[in-house]
PDB file of all heavy atoms in Angstrom:
ATOM      1  N   LEU A   1      20.742   0.867   6.855  1.00  0.00           N
ATOM      2  CA  LEU A   1      20.750   2.023   7.752  1.00  0.00           C
ATOM      3  C   LEU A   1      19.354   2.344   8.277  1.00  0.00           C
ATOM      4  O   LEU A   1      19.153   3.357   8.925  1.00  0.00           O
ATOM      5  CB  LEU A   1      21.317   3.241   7.010  1.00  0.00           C
ATOM      6  CG  LEU A   1      22.802   3.167   6.663  1.00  0.00           C
ATOM      7  CD1 LEU A   1      23.184   4.289   5.705  1.00  0.00           C
ATOM      8  CD2 LEU A   1      23.644   3.245   7.932  1.00  0.00           C
ATOM      9  N   GLU A   2      18.399   1.453   7.965  1.00  0.00           N
ATOM     10  CA  GLU A   2      17.012   1.559   8.437  1.00  0.00           C
ATOM     11  C   GLU A   2      16.321   2.817   7.930  1.00  0.00           C
ATOM     12  O   GLU A   2      15.522   3.431   8.644  1.00  0.00           O
ATOM     13  CB  GLU A   2      16.954   1.468   9.964  1.00  0.00           C
ATOM     14  CG  GLU A   2      17.498   0.140  10.484  1.00  0.00           C
ATOM     15  CD  GLU A   2      17.298  -0.043  11.971  1.00  0.00           C
ATOM     16  OE1 GLU A   2      17.009   0.944  12.672  1.00  0.00           O
ATOM     17  OE2 GLU A   2      17.435  -1.185  12.434  1.00  0.00           O
ATOM     18  N   ALA A   3      16.633   3.198   6.699  1.00  0.00           N
ATOM     19  CA  ALA A   3      15.887   4.286   6.064  1.00  0.00           C
ATOM     20  C   ALA A   3      14.452   3.830   5.837  1.00  0.00           C
ATOM     21  O   ALA A   3      14.194   2.660   5.561  1.00  0.00           O
ATOM     22  CB  ALA A   3      16.538   4.666   4.735  1.00  0.00           C
ATOM     23  N   LEU A   4      13.527   4.762   5.949  1.00  0.00           N
ATOM     24  CA  LEU A   4      12.117   4.412   5.801  1.00  0.00           C
ATOM     25  C   LEU A   4      11.755   4.128   4.350  1.00  0.00           C
ATOM     26  O   LEU A   4      10.956   3.240   4.058  1.00  0.00           O
ATOM     27  CB  LEU A   4      11.243   5.549   6.331  1.00  0.00           C
ATOM     28  CG  LEU A   4       9.735   5.345   6.229  1.00  0.00           C
ATOM     29  CD1 LEU A   4       9.288   4.203   7.145  1.00  0.00           C
ATOM     30  CD2 LEU A   4       9.002   6.621   6.570  1.00  0.00           C
ATOM     31  N   ASP A   5      12.349   4.874   3.419  1.00  0.00           N
ATOM     32  CA  ASP A   5      12.013   4.688   2.009  1.00  0.00           C
ATOM     33  C   ASP A   5      13.175   5.160   1.153  1.00  0.00           C
ATOM     34  O   ASP A   5      14.121   5.806   1.634  1.00  0.00           O
ATOM     35  CB  ASP A   5      10.737   5.462   1.656  1.00  0.00           C
ATOM     36  CG  ASP A   5       9.930   4.787   0.554  1.00  0.00           C
ATOM     37  OD1 ASP A   5      10.528   4.032  -0.239  1.00  0.00           O
ATOM     38  OD2 ASP A   5       8.710   5.015   0.487  1.00  0.00           O
ATOM     39  N   TYR A   6      13.096   4.835  -0.141  1.00  0.00           N
ATOM     40  CA  TYR A   6      14.176   5.116  -1.081  1.00  0.00           C
ATOM     41  C   TYR A   6      13.519   5.578  -2.373  1.00  0.00           C
ATOM     42  O   TYR A   6      12.954   4.774  -3.117  1.00  0.00           O
ATOM     43  CB  TYR A   6      14.981   3.834  -1.287  1.00  0.00           C
ATOM     44  CG  TYR A   6      16.287   3.986  -2.030  1.00  0.00           C
ATOM     45  CD1 TYR A   6      17.480   4.182  -1.338  1.00  0.00           C
ATOM     46  CD2 TYR A   6      16.341   3.910  -3.408  1.00  0.00           C
ATOM     47  CE1 TYR A   6      18.685   4.287  -2.003  1.00  0.00           C
ATOM     48  CE2 TYR A   6      17.528   4.016  -4.089  1.00  0.00           C
ATOM     49  CZ  TYR A   6      18.704   4.205  -3.383  1.00  0.00           C
ATOM     50  OH  TYR A   6      19.903   4.308  -4.056  1.00  0.00           O
ATOM     51  N   LEU A   7      13.544   6.874  -2.645  1.00  0.00           N
ATOM     52  CA  LEU A   7      12.859   7.440  -3.795  1.00  0.00           C
ATOM     53  C   LEU A   7      13.853   7.713  -4.922  1.00  0.00           C
ATOM     54  O   LEU A   7      14.883   8.352  -4.710  1.00  0.00           O
ATOM     55  CB  LEU A   7      12.150   8.736  -3.406  1.00  0.00           C
ATOM     56  CG  LEU A   7      11.188   8.668  -2.212  1.00  0.00           C
ATOM     57  CD1 LEU A   7      10.489  10.003  -2.023  1.00  0.00           C
ATOM     58  CD2 LEU A   7      10.186   7.546  -2.392  1.00  0.00           C
ATOM     59  N   ILE A   8      13.513   7.221  -6.119  1.00  0.00           N
ATOM     60  CA  ILE A   8      14.370   7.401  -7.276  1.00  0.00           C
ATOM     61  C   ILE A   8      13.918   8.620  -8.079  1.00  0.00           C
ATOM     62  O   ILE A   8      12.745   8.747  -8.432  1.00  0.00           O
ATOM     63  CB  ILE A   8      14.334   6.148  -8.183  1.00  0.00           C
ATOM     64  CG1 ILE A   8      14.782   4.898  -7.398  1.00  0.00           C
ATOM     65  CG2 ILE A   8      15.221   6.351  -9.408  1.00  0.00           C
ATOM     66  CD1 ILE A   8      16.229   4.905  -6.989  1.00  0.00           C
ATOM     67  N   LYS A   9      14.841   9.527  -8.358  1.00  0.00           N
ATOM     68  CA  LYS A   9      14.548  10.709  -9.160  1.00  0.00           C
ATOM     69  C   LYS A   9      14.379  10.318 -10.631  1.00  0.00           C
ATOM     70  O   LYS A   9      15.059   9.398 -11.098  1.00  0.00           O
ATOM     71  CB  LYS A   9      15.686  11.730  -9.047  1.00  0.00           C
ATOM     72  CG  LYS A   9      15.938  12.255  -7.642  1.00  0.00           C
ATOM     73  CD  LYS A   9      17.173  13.145  -7.641  1.00  0.00           C
ATOM     74  CE  LYS A   9      17.527  13.634  -6.248  1.00  0.00           C
ATOM     75  NZ  LYS A   9      18.773  14.436  -6.244  1.00  0.00           N
ATOM     76  N   PRO A  10      13.525  11.016 -11.367  1.00  0.00           N
ATOM     77  CA  PRO A  10      12.593  12.061 -10.921  1.00  0.00           C
ATOM     78  C   PRO A  10      11.473  11.467 -10.079  1.00  0.00           C
ATOM     79  O   PRO A  10      10.940  10.408 -10.409  1.00  0.00           O
ATOM     80  CB  PRO A  10      12.057  12.636 -12.228  1.00  0.00           C
ATOM     81  CG  PRO A  10      12.178  11.510 -13.207  1.00  0.00           C
ATOM     82  CD  PRO A  10      13.389  10.746 -12.810  1.00  0.00           C
ATOM     83  N   ILE A  11      11.136  12.125  -8.989  1.00  0.00           N
ATOM     84  CA  ILE A  11      10.182  11.591  -8.019  1.00  0.00           C
ATOM     85  C   ILE A  11       8.785  12.119  -8.324  1.00  0.00           C
ATOM     86  O   ILE A  11       8.531  13.322  -8.187  1.00  0.00           O
ATOM     87  CB  ILE A  11      10.594  11.987  -6.582  1.00  0.00           C
ATOM     88  CG1 ILE A  11      12.005  11.475  -6.279  1.00  0.00           C
ATOM     89  CG2 ILE A  11       9.589  11.442  -5.569  1.00  0.00           C
ATOM     90  CD1 ILE A  11      12.620  12.065  -5.030  1.00  0.00           C
ATOM     91  N   PRO A  12       7.848  11.255  -8.723  1.00  0.00           N
ATOM     92  CA  PRO A  12       6.471  11.710  -8.942  1.00  0.00           C
ATOM     93  C   PRO A  12       5.829  12.107  -7.610  1.00  0.00           C
ATOM     94  O   PRO A  12       6.179  11.563  -6.552  1.00  0.00           O
ATOM     95  CB  PRO A  12       5.775  10.480  -9.542  1.00  0.00           C
ATOM     96  CG  PRO A  12       6.862   9.537  -9.926  1.00  0.00           C
ATOM     97  CD  PRO A  12       8.013   9.835  -9.016  1.00  0.00           C
ATOM     98  N   PHE A  13       4.913  13.051  -7.661  1.00  0.00           N
ATOM     99  CA  PHE A  13       4.242  13.484  -6.428  1.00  0.00           C
ATOM    100  C   PHE A  13       3.499  12.328  -5.762  1.00  0.00           C
ATOM    101  O   PHE A  13       3.477  12.229  -4.528  1.00  0.00           O
ATOM    102  CB  PHE A  13       3.271  14.625  -6.742  1.00  0.00           C
ATOM    103  CG  PHE A  13       2.619  15.218  -5.523  1.00  0.00           C
ATOM    104  CD1 PHE A  13       3.373  15.711  -4.473  1.00  0.00           C
ATOM    105  CD2 PHE A  13       1.232  15.269  -5.415  1.00  0.00           C
ATOM    106  CE1 PHE A  13       2.774  16.260  -3.343  1.00  0.00           C
ATOM    107  CE2 PHE A  13       0.624  15.814  -4.286  1.00  0.00           C
ATOM    108  CZ  PHE A  13       1.396  16.307  -3.255  1.00  0.00           C
ATOM    109  N   GLU A  14       2.898  11.440  -6.573  1.00  0.00           N
ATOM    110  CA  GLU A  14       2.174  10.293  -6.015  1.00  0.00           C
ATOM    111  C   GLU A  14       3.110   9.388  -5.204  1.00  0.00           C
ATOM    112  O   GLU A  14       2.728   8.853  -4.166  1.00  0.00           O
ATOM    113  CB  GLU A  14       1.503   9.484  -7.125  1.00  0.00           C
ATOM    114  CG  GLU A  14       0.337  10.184  -7.799  1.00  0.00           C
ATOM    115  CD  GLU A  14       0.776  11.241  -8.797  1.00  0.00           C
ATOM    116  OE1 GLU A  14       1.993  11.303  -9.123  1.00  0.00           O
ATOM    117  OE2 GLU A  14      -0.095  12.014  -9.253  1.00  0.00           O
ATOM    118  N   ARG A  15       4.357   9.244  -5.693  1.00  0.00           N
ATOM    119  CA  ARG A  15       5.330   8.412  -4.963  1.00  0.00           C
ATOM    120  C   ARG A  15       5.769   9.107  -3.679  1.00  0.00           C
ATOM    121  O   ARG A  15       5.992   8.463  -2.650  1.00  0.00           O
ATOM    122  CB  ARG A  15       6.533   8.130  -5.868  1.00  0.00           C
ATOM    123  CG  ARG A  15       7.577   7.221  -5.234  1.00  0.00           C
ATOM    124  CD  ARG A  15       7.038   5.824  -5.010  1.00  0.00           C
ATOM    125  NE  ARG A  15       8.029   4.960  -4.389  1.00  0.00           N
ATOM    126  CZ  ARG A  15       8.184   4.812  -3.079  1.00  0.00           C
ATOM    127  NH1 ARG A  15       7.370   5.459  -2.236  1.00  0.00           N
ATOM    128  NH2 ARG A  15       9.113   4.017  -2.587  1.00  0.00           N
ATOM    129  N   PHE A  16       5.905  10.418  -3.732  1.00  0.00           N
ATOM    130  CA  PHE A  16       6.234  11.207  -2.542  1.00  0.00           C
ATOM    131  C   PHE A  16       5.146  11.035  -1.481  1.00  0.00           C
ATOM    132  O   PHE A  16       5.439  10.829  -0.297  1.00  0.00           O
ATOM    133  CB  PHE A  16       6.387  12.677  -2.938  1.00  0.00           C
ATOM    134  CG  PHE A  16       6.614  13.611  -1.789  1.00  0.00           C
ATOM    135  CD1 PHE A  16       7.875  13.788  -1.256  1.00  0.00           C
ATOM    136  CD2 PHE A  16       5.562  14.338  -1.252  1.00  0.00           C
ATOM    137  CE1 PHE A  16       8.089  14.657  -0.191  1.00  0.00           C
ATOM    138  CE2 PHE A  16       5.761  15.216  -0.196  1.00  0.00           C
ATOM    139  CZ  PHE A  16       7.031  15.369   0.331  1.00  0.00           C
ATOM    140  N   ILE A  17       3.878  11.108  -1.911  1.00  0.00           N
ATOM    141  CA  ILE A  17       2.758  10.929  -0.987  1.00  0.00           C
ATOM    142  C   ILE A  17       2.811   9.562  -0.325  1.00  0.00           C
ATOM    143  O   ILE A  17       2.596   9.425   0.889  1.00  0.00           O
ATOM    144  CB  ILE A  17       1.417  11.111  -1.727  1.00  0.00           C
ATOM    145  CG1 ILE A  17       1.199  12.577  -2.089  1.00  0.00           C
ATOM    146  CG2 ILE A  17       0.245  10.610  -0.876  1.00  0.00           C
ATOM    147  CD1 ILE A  17      -0.029  12.826  -2.925  1.00  0.00           C
ATOM    148  N   LYS A  18       3.120   8.529  -1.101  1.00  0.00           N
ATOM    149  CA  LYS A  18       3.188   7.172  -0.564  1.00  0.00           C
ATOM    150  C   LYS A  18       4.240   7.078   0.539  1.00  0.00           C
ATOM    151  O   LYS A  18       4.018   6.461   1.583  1.00  0.00           O
ATOM    152  CB  LYS A  18       3.515   6.196  -1.694  1.00  0.00           C
ATOM    153  CG  LYS A  18       3.338   4.727  -1.339  1.00  0.00           C
ATOM    154  CD  LYS A  18       3.689   3.856  -2.535  1.00  0.00           C
ATOM    155  CE  LYS A  18       3.404   2.395  -2.263  1.00  0.00           C
ATOM    156  NZ  LYS A  18       1.969   2.079  -2.338  1.00  0.00           N
ATOM    157  N   ALA A  19       5.397   7.709   0.316  1.00  0.00           N
ATOM    158  CA  ALA A  19       6.465   7.689   1.316  1.00  0.00           C
ATOM    159  C   ALA A  19       6.059   8.447   2.578  1.00  0.00           C
ATOM    160  O   ALA A  19       6.312   7.993   3.702  1.00  0.00           O
ATOM    161  CB  ALA A  19       7.738   8.300   0.721  1.00  0.00           C
ATOM    162  N   VAL A  20       5.405   9.591   2.402  1.00  0.00           N
ATOM    163  CA  VAL A  20       4.971  10.390   3.558  1.00  0.00           C
ATOM    164  C   VAL A  20       3.893   9.639   4.347  1.00  0.00           C
ATOM    165  O   VAL A  20       3.903   9.634   5.585  1.00  0.00           O
ATOM    166  CB  VAL A  20       4.465  11.770   3.102  1.00  0.00           C
ATOM    167  CG1 VAL A  20       3.813  12.519   4.254  1.00  0.00           C
ATOM    168  CG2 VAL A  20       5.614  12.591   2.532  1.00  0.00           C
ATOM    169  N   ASN A  21       2.967   8.998   3.651  1.00  0.00           N
ATOM    170  CA  ASN A  21       1.943   8.206   4.344  1.00  0.00           C
ATOM    171  C   ASN A  21       2.565   7.065   5.132  1.00  0.00           C
ATOM    172  O   ASN A  21       2.069   6.695   6.202  1.00  0.00           O
ATOM    173  CB  ASN A  21       0.933   7.646   3.343  1.00  0.00           C
ATOM    174  CG  ASN A  21      -0.173   8.634   3.023  1.00  0.00           C
ATOM    175  OD1 ASN A  21      -0.421   9.565   3.792  1.00  0.00           O
ATOM    176  ND2 ASN A  21      -0.842   8.442   1.906  1.00  0.00           N
ATOM    177  N   ARG A  22       3.648   6.516   4.615  1.00  0.00           N
ATOM    178  CA  ARG A  22       4.351   5.455   5.349  1.00  0.00           C
ATOM    179  C   ARG A  22       4.919   5.999   6.659  1.00  0.00           C
ATOM    180  O   ARG A  22       4.892   5.323   7.687  1.00  0.00           O
ATOM    181  CB  ARG A  22       5.469   4.885   4.470  1.00  0.00           C
ATOM    182  CG  ARG A  22       6.224   3.735   5.107  1.00  0.00           C
ATOM    183  CD  ARG A  22       7.229   3.155   4.141  1.00  0.00           C
ATOM    184  NE  ARG A  22       6.554   2.517   3.023  1.00  0.00           N
ATOM    185  CZ  ARG A  22       7.160   2.188   1.886  1.00  0.00           C
ATOM    186  NH1 ARG A  22       8.435   2.464   1.718  1.00  0.00           N
ATOM    187  NH2 ARG A  22       6.489   1.592   0.941  1.00  0.00           N
ATOM    188  N   TYR A  23       5.410   7.237   6.605  1.00  0.00           N
ATOM    189  CA  TYR A  23       5.901   7.883   7.827  1.00  0.00           C
ATOM    190  C   TYR A  23       4.760   8.075   8.826  1.00  0.00           C
ATOM    191  O   TYR A  23       4.914   7.802  10.023  1.00  0.00           O
ATOM    192  CB  TYR A  23       6.551   9.224   7.496  1.00  0.00           C
ATOM    193  CG  TYR A  23       6.919  10.020   8.722  1.00  0.00           C
ATOM    194  CD1 TYR A  23       8.106   9.774   9.397  1.00  0.00           C
ATOM    195  CD2 TYR A  23       6.068  11.005   9.226  1.00  0.00           C
ATOM    196  CE1 TYR A  23       8.442  10.484  10.540  1.00  0.00           C
ATOM    197  CE2 TYR A  23       6.395  11.729  10.356  1.00  0.00           C
ATOM    198  CZ  TYR A  23       7.585  11.467  11.013  1.00  0.00           C
ATOM    199  OH  TYR A  23       7.908  12.161  12.152  1.00  0.00           O
ATOM    200  N   PHE A  24       3.608   8.540   8.345  1.00  0.00           N
ATOM    201  CA  PHE A  24       2.469   8.754   9.234  1.00  0.00           C
ATOM    202  C   PHE A  24       2.045   7.449   9.907  1.00  0.00           C
ATOM    203  O   PHE A  24       1.717   7.419  11.097  1.00  0.00           O
ATOM    204  CB  PHE A  24       1.286   9.330   8.450  1.00  0.00           C
ATOM    205  CG  PHE A  24       1.514  10.722   7.936  1.00  0.00           C
ATOM    206  CD1 PHE A  24       0.848  11.181   6.801  1.00  0.00           C
ATOM    207  CD2 PHE A  24       2.378  11.604   8.580  1.00  0.00           C
ATOM    208  CE1 PHE A  24       1.051  12.462   6.320  1.00  0.00           C
ATOM    209  CE2 PHE A  24       2.588  12.888   8.109  1.00  0.00           C
ATOM    210  CZ  PHE A  24       1.928  13.319   6.974  1.00  0.00           C
ATOM    211  N   LYS A  25       2.038   6.370   9.139  1.00  0.00           N
ATOM    212  CA  LYS A  25       1.670   5.063   9.707  1.00  0.00           C
ATOM    213  C   LYS A  25       2.689   4.622  10.747  1.00  0.00           C
ATOM    214  O   LYS A  25       2.334   4.101  11.808  1.00  0.00           O
ATOM    215  CB  LYS A  25       1.568   4.019   8.598  1.00  0.00           C
ATOM    216  CG  LYS A  25       0.381   4.198   7.675  1.00  0.00           C
ATOM    217  CD  LYS A  25       0.366   3.123   6.605  1.00  0.00           C
ATOM    218  CE  LYS A  25      -0.779   3.330   5.627  1.00  0.00           C
ATOM    219  NZ  LYS A  25      -0.763   2.308   4.548  1.00  0.00           N
ATOM    220  N   LEU A  26       3.961   4.822  10.428  1.00  0.00           N
ATOM    221  CA  LEU A  26       5.029   4.420  11.346  1.00  0.00           C
ATOM    222  C   LEU A  26       4.909   5.149  12.679  1.00  0.00           C
ATOM    223  O   LEU A  26       5.080   4.558  13.744  1.00  0.00           O
ATOM    224  CB  LEU A  26       6.385   4.714  10.698  1.00  0.00           C
ATOM    225  CG  LEU A  26       7.623   4.406  11.540  1.00  0.00           C
ATOM    226  CD1 LEU A  26       7.778   2.911  11.756  1.00  0.00           C
ATOM    227  CD2 LEU A  26       8.877   4.978  10.873  1.00  0.00           C
ATOM    228  N   LYS A  27       4.592   6.428  12.620  1.00  0.00           N
ATOM    229  CA  LYS A  27       4.514   7.259  13.830  1.00  0.00           C
ATOM    230  C   LYS A  27       3.100   7.291  14.425  1.00  0.00           C
ATOM    231  O   LYS A  27       2.858   8.006  15.394  1.00  0.00           O
ATOM    232  CB  LYS A  27       4.964   8.683  13.509  1.00  0.00           C
ATOM    233  CG  LYS A  27       6.401   8.764  13.026  1.00  0.00           C
ATOM    234  CD  LYS A  27       7.381   8.253  14.081  1.00  0.00           C
ATOM    235  CE  LYS A  27       8.816   8.373  13.594  1.00  0.00           C
ATOM    236  NZ  LYS A  27       9.793   7.898  14.626  1.00  0.00           N
ATOM    237  N   LYS A  28       2.187   6.521  13.823  1.00  0.00           N
ATOM    238  CA  LYS A  28       0.804   6.435  14.305  1.00  0.00           C
ATOM    239  C   LYS A  28       0.104   7.787  14.319  1.00  0.00           C
ATOM    240  O   LYS A  28      -0.692   8.083  15.212  1.00  0.00           O
ATOM    241  CB  LYS A  28       0.755   5.786  15.695  1.00  0.00           C
ATOM    242  CG  LYS A  28       1.201   4.338  15.699  1.00  0.00           C
ATOM    243  CD  LYS A  28       0.988   3.697  17.057  1.00  0.00           C
ATOM    244  CE  LYS A  28       1.332   2.213  17.004  1.00  0.00           C
ATOM    245  NZ  LYS A  28       1.125   1.541  18.303  1.00  0.00           N
ATOM    246  N   HIS A  29       0.407   8.604  13.313  1.00  0.00           N
ATOM    247  CA  HIS A  29      -0.316   9.860  13.153  1.00  0.00           C
ATOM    248  C   HIS A  29      -1.700   9.573  12.579  1.00  0.00           C
ATOM    249  O   HIS A  29      -1.898   8.598  11.858  1.00  0.00           O
ATOM    250  CB  HIS A  29       0.435  10.795  12.205  1.00  0.00           C
ATOM    251  CG  HIS A  29       1.652  11.421  12.810  1.00  0.00           C
ATOM    252  ND1 HIS A  29       1.617  12.150  13.971  1.00  0.00           N
ATOM    253  CD2 HIS A  29       2.945  11.428  12.408  1.00  0.00           C
ATOM    254  CE1 HIS A  29       2.828  12.589  14.256  1.00  0.00           C
ATOM    255  NE2 HIS A  29       3.656  12.157  13.333  1.00  0.00           N
ATOM    256  N   ASP A  30      -2.630  10.435  12.876  1.00  0.00           N
ATOM    257  CA  ASP A  30      -3.974  10.311  12.311  1.00  0.00           C
ATOM    258  C   ASP A  30      -4.017  10.814  10.874  1.00  0.00           C
ATOM    259  O   ASP A  30      -4.993  10.604  10.169  1.00  0.00           O
ATOM    260  CB  ASP A  30      -4.993  11.092  13.151  1.00  0.00           C
ATOM    261  CG  ASP A  30      -5.174  10.486  14.530  1.00  0.00           C
ATOM    262  OD1 ASP A  30      -4.991   9.257  14.650  1.00  0.00           O
ATOM    263  OD2 ASP A  30      -5.476  11.232  15.468  1.00  0.00           O
ATOM    264  N   TYR A  31      -2.965  11.511  10.450  1.00  0.00           N
ATOM    265  CA  TYR A  31      -2.948  12.057   9.104  1.00  0.00           C
ATOM    266  C   TYR A  31      -2.942  10.923   8.075  1.00  0.00           C
ATOM    267  O   TYR A  31      -2.376   9.866   8.289  1.00  0.00           O
ATOM    268  CB  TYR A  31      -1.698  12.908   8.850  1.00  0.00           C
ATOM    269  CG  TYR A  31      -1.275  13.812   9.986  1.00  0.00           C
ATOM    270  CD1 TYR A  31       0.060  13.967  10.302  1.00  0.00           C
ATOM    271  CD2 TYR A  31      -2.209  14.518  10.731  1.00  0.00           C
ATOM    272  CE1 TYR A  31       0.470  14.800  11.336  1.00  0.00           C
ATOM    273  CE2 TYR A  31      -1.814  15.359  11.761  1.00  0.00           C
ATOM    274  CZ  TYR A  31      -0.469  15.488  12.059  1.00  0.00           C
ATOM    275  OH  TYR A  31      -0.074  16.302  13.079  1.00  0.00           O
ATOM    276  N   GLN A  32      -3.525  11.186   6.942  1.00  0.00           N
ATOM    277  CA  GLN A  32      -3.451  10.259   5.812  1.00  0.00           C
ATOM    278  C   GLN A  32      -3.803  11.035   4.554  1.00  0.00           C
ATOM    279  O   GLN A  32      -4.846  11.678   4.480  1.00  0.00           O
ATOM    280  CB  GLN A  32      -4.404   9.077   5.985  1.00  0.00           C
ATOM    281  CG  GLN A  32      -4.077   7.899   5.103  1.00  0.00           C
ATOM    282  CD  GLN A  32      -2.739   7.250   5.443  1.00  0.00           C
ATOM    283  OE1 GLN A  32      -2.115   6.654   4.595  1.00  0.00           O
ATOM    284  NE2 GLN A  32      -2.288   7.377   6.666  1.00  0.00           N
ATOM    285  N   ILE A  33      -2.912  11.000   3.573  1.00  0.00           N
ATOM    286  CA  ILE A  33      -3.132  11.719   2.325  1.00  0.00           C
ATOM    287  C   ILE A  33      -3.737  10.750   1.318  1.00  0.00           C
ATOM    288  O   ILE A  33      -3.211   9.653   1.124  1.00  0.00           O
ATOM    289  CB  ILE A  33      -1.807  12.274   1.766  1.00  0.00           C
ATOM    290  CG1 ILE A  33      -1.060  13.039   2.862  1.00  0.00           C
ATOM    291  CG2 ILE A  33      -2.061  13.185   0.578  1.00  0.00           C
ATOM    292  CD1 ILE A  33       0.382  13.279   2.559  1.00  0.00           C
ATOM    293  N   PRO A  34      -4.848  11.094   0.675  1.00  0.00           N
ATOM    294  CA  PRO A  34      -5.462  10.184  -0.298  1.00  0.00           C
ATOM    295  C   PRO A  34      -4.490   9.817  -1.412  1.00  0.00           C
ATOM    296  O   PRO A  34      -3.772  10.663  -1.933  1.00  0.00           O
ATOM    297  CB  PRO A  34      -6.644  11.003  -0.846  1.00  0.00           C
ATOM    298  CG  PRO A  34      -6.918  12.023   0.203  1.00  0.00           C
ATOM    299  CD  PRO A  34      -5.592  12.344   0.828  1.00  0.00           C
ATOM    300  N   GLU A  35      -4.446   8.533  -1.728  1.00  0.00           N
ATOM    301  CA  GLU A  35      -3.611   8.034  -2.810  1.00  0.00           C
ATOM    302  C   GLU A  35      -4.502   7.406  -3.864  1.00  0.00           C
ATOM    303  O   GLU A  35      -5.600   6.948  -3.568  1.00  0.00           O
ATOM    304  CB  GLU A  35      -2.631   6.966  -2.311  1.00  0.00           C
ATOM    305  CG  GLU A  35      -1.673   7.456  -1.252  1.00  0.00           C
ATOM    306  CD  GLU A  35      -0.796   6.338  -0.721  1.00  0.00           C
ATOM    307  OE1 GLU A  35      -0.517   5.389  -1.490  1.00  0.00           O
ATOM    308  OE2 GLU A  35      -0.406   6.395   0.448  1.00  0.00           O
ATOM    309  N   LYS A  36      -4.005   7.366  -5.078  1.00  0.00           N
ATOM    310  CA  LYS A  36      -4.725   6.655  -6.134  1.00  0.00           C
ATOM    311  C   LYS A  36      -4.596   5.167  -5.878  1.00  0.00           C
ATOM    312  O   LYS A  36      -3.503   4.638  -5.758  1.00  0.00           O
ATOM    313  CB  LYS A  36      -4.137   7.001  -7.509  1.00  0.00           C
ATOM    314  CG  LYS A  36      -4.382   8.430  -7.941  1.00  0.00           C
ATOM    315  CD  LYS A  36      -3.799   8.675  -9.323  1.00  0.00           C
ATOM    316  CE  LYS A  36      -4.047  10.108  -9.768  1.00  0.00           C
ATOM    317  NZ  LYS A  36      -3.458  10.384 -11.092  1.00  0.00           N
ATOM    318  N   LYS A  37      -5.723   4.491  -5.783  1.00  0.00           N
ATOM    319  CA  LYS A  37      -5.722   3.058  -5.518  1.00  0.00           C
ATOM    320  C   LYS A  37      -5.885   2.276  -6.812  1.00  0.00           C
ATOM    321  O   LYS A  37      -6.725   2.594  -7.641  1.00  0.00           O
ATOM    322  CB  LYS A  37      -6.856   2.683  -4.556  1.00  0.00           C
ATOM    323  CG  LYS A  37      -6.723   3.310  -3.187  1.00  0.00           C
ATOM    324  CD  LYS A  37      -5.516   2.774  -2.454  1.00  0.00           C
ATOM    325  CE  LYS A  37      -5.421   3.346  -1.048  1.00  0.00           C
ATOM    326  NZ  LYS A  37      -4.261   2.882  -0.318  1.00  0.00           N
TER     327      LYS A  37
END
């Protein structure tokens, strides 16, 4: 169904950030939330 991501509960905040950053990249937003590398 072309979902952008699939998060399994319980969802850690770090995983939530990763999914949101993927959305920003997809839409070419300048936003970017720091992630633990």
